[in-house]
Amino acid sequence: YWLNEDYYAASRTAIYVGCNKGMDAIDMLRRLSSDSFIDKHRWKTEFFANTEVIPGVCHQEDSPQLAVVGTNKKHAAVYCVEAMPKTAEQLSRTAFRLGYHGKLLVHNAAMSSQDGTTLFPNTVVGTENQGLSFCEKSPEQCAPVTLYKLDSYVEKYLPEDTLIDFLSTDVEGFDWEVLKGGLNQTLARVRYLEL
């Protein structure tokens, strides 16, 4: 019932921390916007085209996409935060090619309980289950990435006082660090949280 058309205001927002290949983010954008033009199958075809991509561990690219709820399109924005530089580049390219770039907002960044910079693997597009420990062992295969507290990220990128309908974190066990970074402001504005 939580996506009932009458329940929501005209503008809807979601944040995916650890956006991976964007499959779940695109599904949510489709659902929040009630826009059948947003299509996970088109996304998968374009994302995997003309580049080496490692398939997802959880196989989201093969699961059915969410149905469009209602016939009135809504303004929706999904913020797609991806720490892996090559994956973030492919997410941005795919969003632009499909015309989703004004709705799927991709940022190459990492989230934690503090602001700063960190190293993240700069390996094959779609690589999952590699994180900070990989860079300790193989720093030459890593690149610097901006590190945000959730509160800092929201303050920088989202319009002031935006209600966040859905927040998802998929950060290889560092979810608590992400949530600690949102305790001062952001979490009070979140309707649904997925870990």
C-alpha atoms as a PDB file:
ATOM      1  CA  TYR A   1       0.000   0.000   0.000  1.00  0.00           C
ATOM      2  CA  TRP A   2       2.935   2.352   0.504  1.00  0.00           C
ATOM      3  CA  LEU A   3       3.045   3.328  -3.178  1.00  0.00           C
ATOM      4  CA  ASN A   4      -0.644   4.208  -3.352  1.00  0.00           C
ATOM      5  CA  GLU A   5      -1.035   7.169  -5.706  1.00  0.00           C
ATOM      6  CA  ASP A   6      -3.245   9.177  -3.308  1.00  0.00           C
ATOM      7  CA  TYR A   7      -0.770   8.856  -0.447  1.00  0.00           C
ATOM      8  CA  TYR A   8       2.060  10.792  -2.072  1.00  0.00           C
ATOM      9  CA  ALA A   9       2.706  14.376  -3.006  1.00  0.00           C
ATOM     10  CA  ALA A  10       3.557  15.153  -6.632  1.00  0.00           C
ATOM     11  CA  SER A  11       7.308  14.813  -6.096  1.00  0.00           C
ATOM     12  CA  ARG A  12       8.968  11.603  -4.921  1.00  0.00           C
ATOM     13  CA  THR A  13      12.567  10.890  -3.961  1.00  0.00           C
ATOM     14  CA  ALA A  14      14.720   7.820  -3.352  1.00  0.00           C
ATOM     15  CA  ILE A  15      18.412   7.368  -2.572  1.00  0.00           C
ATOM     16  CA  TYR A  16      20.385   4.226  -3.371  1.00  0.00           C
ATOM     17  CA  VAL A  17      23.715   4.089  -1.538  1.00  0.00           C
ATOM     18  CA  GLY A  18      25.605   1.340  -3.328  1.00  0.00           C
ATOM     19  CA  CYS A  19      23.672   1.664  -6.564  1.00  0.00           C
ATOM     20  CA  ASN A  20      25.628  -1.140  -8.252  1.00  0.00           C
ATOM     21  CA  LYS A  21      24.297  -1.560 -11.814  1.00  0.00           C
ATOM     22  CA  GLY A  22      21.237   0.574 -11.121  1.00  0.00           C
ATOM     23  CA  MET A  23      18.671  -2.185 -11.605  1.00  0.00           C
ATOM     24  CA  ASP A  24      16.826  -1.598  -8.328  1.00  0.00           C
ATOM     25  CA  ALA A  25      17.153   2.186  -8.686  1.00  0.00           C
ATOM     26  CA  ILE A  26      15.572   2.089 -12.154  1.00  0.00           C
ATOM     27  CA  ASP A  27      12.794  -0.142 -10.847  1.00  0.00           C
ATOM     28  CA  MET A  28      12.090   2.350  -8.064  1.00  0.00           C
ATOM     29  CA  LEU A  29      12.228   5.320 -10.458  1.00  0.00           C
ATOM     30  CA  ARG A  30       9.661   3.563 -12.658  1.00  0.00           C
ATOM     31  CA  ARG A  31       7.402   2.943  -9.658  1.00  0.00           C
ATOM     32  CA  LEU A  32       7.722   6.376  -8.048  1.00  0.00           C
ATOM     33  CA  SER A  33       7.196   8.254 -11.315  1.00  0.00           C
ATOM     34  CA  SER A  34       4.428   6.005 -12.697  1.00  0.00           C
ATOM     35  CA  ASP A  35       6.285   6.343 -16.001  1.00  0.00           C
ATOM     36  CA  SER A  36       6.407   3.237 -18.205  1.00  0.00           C
ATOM     37  CA  PHE A  37       9.108   4.945 -20.328  1.00  0.00           C
ATOM     38  CA  ILE A  38      11.456   4.053 -17.457  1.00  0.00           C
ATOM     39  CA  ASP A  39      12.157   0.439 -18.285  1.00  0.00           C
ATOM     40  CA  LYS A  40      14.546  -1.950 -16.537  1.00  0.00           C
ATOM     41  CA  HIS A  41      14.866  -4.184 -19.618  1.00  0.00           C
ATOM     42  CA  ARG A  42      15.982  -1.235 -21.769  1.00  0.00           C
ATOM     43  CA  TRP A  43      18.332  -0.223 -18.951  1.00  0.00           C
ATOM     44  CA  LYS A  44      19.903  -3.694 -18.804  1.00  0.00           C
ATOM     45  CA  THR A  45      20.410  -3.834 -22.581  1.00  0.00           C
ATOM     46  CA  GLU A  46      22.048  -0.402 -22.669  1.00  0.00           C
ATOM     47  CA  PHE A  47      24.113  -0.854 -19.492  1.00  0.00           C
ATOM     48  CA  PHE A  48      25.630  -4.127 -20.702  1.00  0.00           C
ATOM     49  CA  ALA A  49      26.169  -2.921 -24.306  1.00  0.00           C
ATOM     50  CA  ASN A  50      29.679  -2.388 -25.679  1.00  0.00           C
ATOM     51  CA  THR A  51      31.544  -2.854 -22.404  1.00  0.00           C
ATOM     52  CA  GLU A  52      32.670  -5.670 -20.143  1.00  0.00           C
ATOM     53  CA  VAL A  53      30.268  -5.908 -17.199  1.00  0.00           C
ATOM     54  CA  ILE A  54      30.352  -8.434 -14.389  1.00  0.00           C
ATOM     55  CA  PRO A  55      26.787  -9.735 -13.812  1.00  0.00           C
ATOM     56  CA  GLY A  56      25.167  -8.982 -10.458  1.00  0.00           C
ATOM     57  CA  VAL A  57      25.613 -11.272  -7.487  1.00  0.00           C
ATOM     58  CA  CYS A  58      21.869 -11.119  -6.667  1.00  0.00           C
ATOM     59  CA  HIS A  59      20.758 -11.191 -10.337  1.00  0.00           C
ATOM     60  CA  GLN A  60      18.552  -8.071 -10.142  1.00  0.00           C
ATOM     61  CA  GLU A  61      19.021  -7.633 -13.883  1.00  0.00           C
ATOM     62  CA  ASP A  62      17.027 -10.837 -14.440  1.00  0.00           C
ATOM     63  CA  SER A  63      14.167 -10.213 -11.999  1.00  0.00           C
ATOM     64  CA  PRO A  64      10.831  -8.859 -13.272  1.00  0.00           C
ATOM     65  CA  GLN A  65      10.452  -5.095 -13.157  1.00  0.00           C
ATOM     66  CA  LEU A  66       7.953  -3.356 -10.909  1.00  0.00           C
ATOM     67  CA  ALA A  67       4.573  -2.477 -12.337  1.00  0.00           C
ATOM     68  CA  VAL A  68       3.613   1.131 -13.001  1.00  0.00           C
ATOM     69  CA  VAL A  69       1.080   2.290 -10.403  1.00  0.00           C
ATOM     70  CA  GLY A  70      -1.581   4.708 -11.652  1.00  0.00           C
ATOM     71  CA  THR A  71      -1.752   6.624 -14.909  1.00  0.00           C
ATOM     72  CA  ASN A  72      -0.678  10.078 -13.739  1.00  0.00           C
ATOM     73  CA  LYS A  73       3.065  10.566 -14.116  1.00  0.00           C
ATOM     74  CA  LYS A  74       4.779  12.073 -11.096  1.00  0.00           C
ATOM     75  CA  HIS A  75       7.992  14.003 -10.792  1.00  0.00           C
ATOM     76  CA  ALA A  76      10.501  11.632  -9.235  1.00  0.00           C
ATOM     77  CA  ALA A  77      14.236  11.682  -8.622  1.00  0.00           C
ATOM     78  CA  VAL A  78      16.399   8.741  -7.659  1.00  0.00           C
ATOM     79  CA  TYR A  79      19.872   9.533  -6.366  1.00  0.00           C
ATOM     80  CA  CYS A  80      22.245   6.759  -7.346  1.00  0.00           C
ATOM     81  CA  VAL A  81      25.418   6.814  -5.204  1.00  0.00           C
ATOM     82  CA  GLU A  82      28.071   4.394  -6.472  1.00  0.00           C
ATOM     83  CA  ALA A  83      31.628   4.235  -5.109  1.00  0.00           C
ATOM     84  CA  MET A  84      33.171   2.114  -7.903  1.00  0.00           C
ATOM     85  CA  PRO A  85      34.432   4.712 -10.428  1.00  0.00           C
ATOM     86  CA  LYS A  86      34.009   2.635 -13.598  1.00  0.00           C
ATOM     87  CA  THR A  87      30.545   1.465 -12.570  1.00  0.00           C
ATOM     88  CA  ALA A  88      29.506   5.058 -11.761  1.00  0.00           C
ATOM     89  CA  GLU A  89      30.748   6.175 -15.206  1.00  0.00           C
ATOM     90  CA  GLN A  90      28.682   3.454 -16.900  1.00  0.00           C
ATOM     91  CA  LEU A  91      25.629   4.383 -14.819  1.00  0.00           C
ATOM     92  CA  SER A  92      25.957   8.019 -15.933  1.00  0.00           C
ATOM     93  CA  ARG A  93      26.461   7.076 -19.596  1.00  0.00           C
ATOM     94  CA  THR A  94      23.464   4.747 -19.565  1.00  0.00           C
ATOM     95  CA  ALA A  95      21.206   7.314 -17.873  1.00  0.00           C
ATOM     96  CA  PHE A  96      22.195   9.895 -20.481  1.00  0.00           C
ATOM     97  CA  ARG A  97      21.729   7.547 -23.462  1.00  0.00           C
ATOM     98  CA  LEU A  98      18.239   6.539 -22.313  1.00  0.00           C
ATOM     99  CA  GLY A  99      17.159  10.062 -21.405  1.00  0.00           C
ATOM    100  CA  TYR A 100      16.908   9.271 -17.674  1.00  0.00           C
ATOM    101  CA  HIS A 101      19.728  11.636 -16.620  1.00  0.00           C
ATOM    102  CA  GLY A 102      17.387  14.288 -15.188  1.00  0.00           C
ATOM    103  CA  LYS A 103      15.634  11.643 -13.072  1.00  0.00           C
ATOM    104  CA  LEU A 104      18.431   9.216 -12.175  1.00  0.00           C
ATOM    105  CA  LEU A 105      21.134  11.371 -10.602  1.00  0.00           C
ATOM    106  CA  VAL A 106      24.422   9.450 -10.433  1.00  0.00           C
ATOM    107  CA  HIS A 107      27.241  10.423  -8.076  1.00  0.00           C
ATOM    108  CA  ASN A 108      30.573   8.645  -7.854  1.00  0.00           C
ATOM    109  CA  ALA A 109      30.959   8.778  -4.089  1.00  0.00           C
ATOM    110  CA  ALA A 110      31.110   6.634  -0.974  1.00  0.00           C
ATOM    111  CA  MET A 111      29.160   7.056   2.270  1.00  0.00           C
ATOM    112  CA  SER A 112      30.319   6.726   5.839  1.00  0.00           C
ATOM    113  CA  SER A 113      30.014   8.393   9.236  1.00  0.00           C
ATOM    114  CA  GLN A 114      32.506  11.100   8.223  1.00  0.00           C
ATOM    115  CA  ASP A 115      33.371  13.293   5.247  1.00  0.00           C
ATOM    116  CA  GLY A 116      36.673  12.937   3.418  1.00  0.00           C
ATOM    117  CA  THR A 117      38.220  10.819   0.695  1.00  0.00           C
ATOM    118  CA  THR A 118      38.896   7.122   0.396  1.00  0.00           C
ATOM    119  CA  LEU A 119      40.176   4.654  -2.183  1.00  0.00           C
ATOM    120  CA  PHE A 120      37.787   2.388  -4.054  1.00  0.00           C
ATOM    121  CA  PRO A 121      38.493  -0.344  -6.617  1.00  0.00           C
ATOM    122  CA  ASN A 122      38.654   0.977 -10.170  1.00  0.00           C
ATOM    123  CA  THR A 123      38.230  -2.417 -11.795  1.00  0.00           C
ATOM    124  CA  VAL A 124      35.703  -3.909 -14.229  1.00  0.00           C
ATOM    125  CA  VAL A 125      32.235  -2.306 -14.482  1.00  0.00           C
ATOM    126  CA  GLY A 126      29.738  -3.997 -12.209  1.00  0.00           C
ATOM    127  CA  THR A 127      32.282  -5.426  -9.781  1.00  0.00           C
ATOM    128  CA  GLU A 128      30.619  -6.118  -6.443  1.00  0.00           C
ATOM    129  CA  ASN A 129      31.902  -7.365  -3.096  1.00  0.00           C
ATOM    130  CA  GLN A 130      35.143  -5.409  -3.385  1.00  0.00           C
ATOM    131  CA  GLY A 131      35.631  -2.531  -1.029  1.00  0.00           C
ATOM    132  CA  LEU A 132      38.090  -0.822   1.227  1.00  0.00           C
ATOM    133  CA  SER A 133      39.982  -4.009   2.148  1.00  0.00           C
ATOM    134  CA  PHE A 134      40.692  -4.654  -1.564  1.00  0.00           C
ATOM    135  CA  CYS A 135      42.426  -1.275  -1.786  1.00  0.00           C
ATOM    136  CA  GLU A 136      44.596  -2.035   1.231  1.00  0.00           C
ATOM    137  CA  LYS A 137      45.985  -5.042  -0.656  1.00  0.00           C
ATOM    138  CA  SER A 138      45.997  -3.585  -4.204  1.00  0.00           C
ATOM    139  CA  PRO A 139      46.106   0.243  -4.032  1.00  0.00           C
ATOM    140  CA  GLU A 140      47.369   0.450  -7.632  1.00  0.00           C
ATOM    141  CA  GLN A 141      43.951  -0.823  -8.806  1.00  0.00           C
ATOM    142  CA  CYS A 142      42.081   1.830  -6.841  1.00  0.00           C
ATOM    143  CA  ALA A 143      41.117   5.480  -7.298  1.00  0.00           C
ATOM    144  CA  PRO A 144      40.293   8.245  -4.810  1.00  0.00           C
ATOM    145  CA  VAL A 145      36.567   8.770  -4.212  1.00  0.00           C
ATOM    146  CA  THR A 146      34.796  11.491  -2.227  1.00  0.00           C
ATOM    147  CA  LEU A 147      33.447  10.220   1.070  1.00  0.00           C
ATOM    148  CA  TYR A 148      30.274  11.842   2.427  1.00  0.00           C
ATOM    149  CA  LYS A 149      28.267  11.567   5.588  1.00  0.00           C
ATOM    150  CA  LEU A 150      24.677  10.942   4.562  1.00  0.00           C
ATOM    151  CA  ASP A 151      23.729  14.317   6.078  1.00  0.00           C
ATOM    152  CA  SER A 152      26.431  16.110   4.047  1.00  0.00           C
ATOM    153  CA  TYR A 153      25.400  14.398   0.818  1.00  0.00           C
ATOM    154  CA  VAL A 154      21.715  15.224   1.278  1.00  0.00           C
ATOM    155  CA  GLU A 155      22.517  18.841   2.160  1.00  0.00           C
ATOM    156  CA  LYS A 156      24.685  19.202  -0.960  1.00  0.00           C
ATOM    157  CA  TYR A 157      22.546  17.429  -3.576  1.00  0.00           C
ATOM    158  CA  LEU A 158      18.882  17.332  -2.518  1.00  0.00           C
ATOM    159  CA  PRO A 159      16.583  20.348  -2.414  1.00  0.00           C
ATOM    160  CA  GLU A 160      16.139  21.665   1.123  1.00  0.00           C
ATOM    161  CA  ASP A 161      13.649  19.769   3.296  1.00  0.00           C
ATOM    162  CA  THR A 162      13.092  17.061   0.661  1.00  0.00           C
ATOM    163  CA  LEU A 163      11.157  14.124   2.044  1.00  0.00           C
ATOM    164  CA  ILE A 164      12.991  10.911   1.169  1.00  0.00           C
ATOM    165  CA  ASP A 165      10.427   8.267   0.333  1.00  0.00           C
ATOM    166  CA  PHE A 166      12.932   5.421   0.133  1.00  0.00           C
ATOM    167  CA  LEU A 167      16.546   5.001   1.267  1.00  0.00           C
ATOM    168  CA  SER A 168      18.445   1.851   0.358  1.00  0.00           C
ATOM    169  CA  THR A 169      21.947   0.963   1.505  1.00  0.00           C
ATOM    170  CA  ASP A 170      23.906  -1.883  -0.064  1.00  0.00           C
ATOM    171  CA  VAL A 171      27.417  -1.240   1.177  1.00  0.00           C
ATOM    172  CA  GLU A 172      28.975  -4.611   1.933  1.00  0.00           C
ATOM    173  CA  GLY A 173      28.289  -4.564   5.675  1.00  0.00           C
ATOM    174  CA  PHE A 174      29.084  -0.891   6.331  1.00  0.00           C
ATOM    175  CA  ASP A 175      25.392   0.058   6.587  1.00  0.00           C
ATOM    176  CA  TRP A 176      25.707   1.205  10.195  1.00  0.00           C
ATOM    177  CA  GLU A 177      28.482   3.650   9.232  1.00  0.00           C
ATOM    178  CA  VAL A 178      26.216   5.112   6.535  1.00  0.00           C
ATOM    179  CA  LEU A 179      23.290   5.407   8.952  1.00  0.00           C
ATOM    180  CA  LYS A 180      25.439   7.065  11.636  1.00  0.00           C
ATOM    181  CA  GLY A 181      26.252   9.748   9.067  1.00  0.00           C
ATOM    182  CA  GLY A 182      22.548  10.529   8.727  1.00  0.00           C
ATOM    183  CA  LEU A 183      21.517  10.620  12.388  1.00  0.00           C
ATOM    184  CA  ASN A 184      21.572  14.419  12.775  1.00  0.00           C
ATOM    185  CA  GLN A 185      19.148  15.290   9.964  1.00  0.00           C
ATOM    186  CA  THR A 186      18.515  12.860   7.145  1.00  0.00           C
ATOM    187  CA  LEU A 187      17.035   9.795   8.819  1.00  0.00           C
ATOM    188  CA  ALA A 188      14.218  11.869  10.311  1.00  0.00           C
ATOM    189  CA  ARG A 189      13.112  12.638   6.716  1.00  0.00           C
ATOM    190  CA  VAL A 190      13.121   9.013   5.484  1.00  0.00           C
ATOM    191  CA  ARG A 191       9.819   7.124   5.125  1.00  0.00           C
ATOM    192  CA  TYR A 192      11.211   3.675   4.251  1.00  0.00           C
ATOM    193  CA  LEU A 193      14.651   2.267   4.866  1.00  0.00           C
ATOM    194  CA  GLU A 194      16.062  -0.835   3.191  1.00  0.00           C
ATOM    195  CA  LEU A 195      19.271  -2.498   4.342  1.00  0.00           C
END
